Protein backbone atom coordinates (compact mmCIF):
# COMPACT_ATOMS: atom_id res chain seq x y z
CA MET A 1 159.61 -80.04 -213.78
CA THR A 2 162.34 -81.46 -211.56
CA VAL A 3 163.43 -85.06 -212.03
CA ARG A 4 163.33 -87.07 -208.81
CA LEU A 5 165.70 -89.87 -207.89
CA ALA A 6 162.75 -92.22 -207.30
CA ASP A 7 161.74 -91.80 -210.97
CA VAL A 8 165.15 -92.74 -212.39
CA THR A 9 166.65 -96.16 -213.09
CA VAL A 10 169.64 -97.34 -215.08
CA GLY A 11 168.57 -96.98 -218.70
CA THR A 12 166.32 -93.94 -218.15
CA GLU A 13 166.64 -91.83 -221.28
CA LEU A 14 166.77 -88.06 -221.34
CA PRO A 15 164.66 -86.43 -224.02
CA GLU A 16 166.81 -85.66 -227.05
CA GLN A 17 167.64 -81.98 -227.38
CA VAL A 18 168.61 -80.45 -230.72
CA TYR A 19 170.28 -77.06 -230.74
CA ARG A 20 170.84 -74.90 -233.81
CA VAL A 21 174.23 -73.16 -233.92
CA THR A 22 174.75 -70.22 -236.27
CA ARG A 23 177.67 -67.93 -236.96
CA ALA A 24 175.87 -65.27 -234.91
CA ASP A 25 175.93 -67.68 -231.93
CA LEU A 26 179.68 -68.08 -232.38
CA VAL A 27 180.16 -64.30 -232.37
CA ARG A 28 178.14 -63.99 -229.17
CA TYR A 29 180.05 -66.87 -227.55
CA ALA A 30 183.38 -65.34 -228.57
CA GLY A 31 182.38 -62.08 -226.90
CA ALA A 32 181.27 -63.83 -223.73
CA SER A 33 184.27 -66.15 -223.50
CA GLY A 34 187.00 -63.89 -224.88
CA ASP A 35 187.97 -66.60 -227.40
CA PHE A 36 188.32 -64.68 -230.66
CA ASN A 37 190.38 -67.32 -232.47
CA PRO A 38 189.65 -66.72 -236.17
CA ILE A 39 188.90 -70.41 -236.80
CA HIS A 40 185.56 -69.59 -235.15
CA TRP A 41 184.64 -66.82 -237.60
CA SER A 42 186.91 -66.81 -240.68
CA ASP A 43 186.54 -69.47 -243.38
CA ARG A 44 189.86 -68.33 -244.88
CA VAL A 45 191.79 -68.95 -241.65
CA ALA A 46 189.88 -72.13 -240.77
CA THR A 47 190.57 -73.77 -244.14
CA ALA A 48 194.18 -72.55 -244.14
CA VAL A 49 194.82 -74.60 -240.99
CA GLY A 50 193.14 -77.69 -242.45
CA LEU A 51 189.62 -77.39 -241.05
CA PRO A 52 186.59 -77.91 -243.30
CA GLY A 53 185.39 -74.40 -242.44
CA VAL A 54 184.51 -72.30 -239.43
CA ILE A 55 183.99 -74.47 -236.35
CA ALA A 56 182.09 -73.93 -233.13
CA HIS A 57 184.09 -73.43 -229.96
CA GLY A 58 184.57 -76.78 -228.22
CA MET A 59 183.49 -75.29 -224.92
CA PHE A 60 180.32 -73.97 -226.57
CA THR A 61 179.50 -77.47 -227.79
CA MET A 62 180.23 -78.79 -224.30
CA ALA A 63 177.93 -76.14 -222.82
CA LEU A 64 175.07 -77.30 -225.06
CA ALA A 65 175.51 -80.84 -223.69
CA GLY A 66 175.49 -79.50 -220.15
CA ARG A 67 172.36 -77.49 -220.90
CA ALA A 68 170.55 -80.65 -222.03
CA VAL A 69 171.38 -82.27 -218.68
CA THR A 70 170.40 -79.30 -216.52
CA ASP A 71 167.18 -78.82 -218.50
CA TRP A 72 166.38 -82.48 -217.76
CA THR A 73 167.08 -82.16 -214.03
CA GLY A 74 165.19 -78.88 -213.77
CA ASP A 75 167.96 -77.54 -211.53
CA PRO A 76 171.32 -76.26 -212.83
CA ALA A 77 172.80 -76.78 -209.34
CA ALA A 78 172.12 -80.53 -209.64
CA LEU A 79 175.10 -80.88 -211.99
CA VAL A 80 178.05 -81.86 -209.79
CA GLU A 81 180.53 -83.32 -212.31
CA PHE A 82 180.88 -82.97 -216.06
CA GLN A 83 183.49 -84.26 -218.47
CA VAL A 84 183.94 -84.64 -222.20
CA ARG A 85 186.64 -85.24 -224.74
CA PHE A 86 186.51 -83.20 -227.91
CA GLY A 87 186.30 -85.71 -230.75
CA ARG A 88 185.31 -83.82 -233.90
CA PRO A 89 184.58 -80.18 -234.61
CA VAL A 90 181.12 -78.81 -235.32
CA THR A 91 181.37 -77.08 -238.70
CA VAL A 92 179.06 -74.06 -238.88
CA PRO A 93 178.22 -72.89 -242.41
CA ASP A 94 177.85 -69.21 -243.26
CA ASP A 95 174.10 -69.28 -243.88
CA ASP A 96 170.90 -68.69 -241.98
CA THR A 97 170.54 -72.37 -241.08
CA GLY A 98 173.85 -73.06 -239.34
CA ALA A 99 174.52 -76.47 -237.85
CA GLU A 100 172.57 -78.71 -235.52
CA VAL A 101 173.98 -80.27 -232.37
CA ALA A 102 171.94 -83.18 -230.99
CA VAL A 103 172.32 -84.34 -227.40
CA ARG A 104 170.98 -87.68 -226.16
CA GLY A 105 171.56 -89.09 -222.71
CA THR A 106 170.98 -92.25 -220.72
CA VAL A 107 171.33 -92.90 -217.01
CA GLY A 108 174.26 -95.30 -216.90
CA VAL A 109 174.94 -95.76 -213.19
CA LEU A 110 173.15 -95.08 -209.92
CA LEU A 111 175.75 -93.78 -207.48
CA GLU A 112 175.55 -93.10 -203.77
CA GLU A 113 174.14 -90.03 -202.05
CA GLY A 114 171.40 -89.45 -204.62
CA ARG A 115 173.80 -89.09 -207.53
CA VAL A 116 173.43 -90.63 -210.97
CA ARG A 117 175.80 -90.74 -213.92
CA VAL A 118 174.35 -89.69 -217.25
CA ASP A 119 176.16 -90.93 -220.36
CA LEU A 120 175.79 -88.53 -223.27
CA VAL A 121 175.95 -88.87 -227.03
CA VAL A 122 176.56 -85.51 -228.71
CA SER A 123 176.50 -85.39 -232.49
CA SER A 124 176.37 -83.03 -235.43
CA ALA A 125 175.82 -83.88 -239.10
CA GLY A 126 175.60 -87.56 -238.16
CA GLU A 127 179.03 -87.59 -236.48
CA LYS A 128 179.77 -87.95 -232.79
CA VAL A 129 181.50 -84.68 -231.80
CA LEU A 130 182.12 -85.28 -228.09
CA SER A 131 183.39 -88.56 -226.71
CA LEU A 132 183.38 -89.92 -223.17
CA ALA A 133 180.77 -87.29 -222.36
CA ARG A 134 179.42 -87.88 -218.87
CA ALA A 135 177.63 -85.90 -216.25
CA VAL A 136 176.99 -86.67 -212.61
CA VAL A 137 173.88 -85.09 -211.16
CA ARG A 138 172.46 -85.10 -207.64
CA LEU A 139 168.74 -85.73 -207.52
CA ALA A 140 166.37 -85.35 -204.57
């Protein structure tokens, strides 16, 4: 279903999306992105540099937030601007459960030309992991 501009007001909430991230996902993302930094697969290296353990790629976490927005619009091409700041890492344990990343969004501003700004809250383990996360989408 595609979201229409006529159905959106300031305060419209996107349905919360929760994504499970496992070590296998990190391996697949590393292969796709070419980012084989060992902090994304080796507990020994991650803890040696002061991290709590293996962490998800920041861009992978950002992509999950973008996916929540494009799933809401029903059209990946509707996303015209996207920005985040990386606040905290998503620690991914070496088990079958992995970590959860939750994405919530609210329409914050109606812009011109059928565009709206969506303000996002992206969290994992009760902590906000992306800050100043915003997307601008064009709706028909």
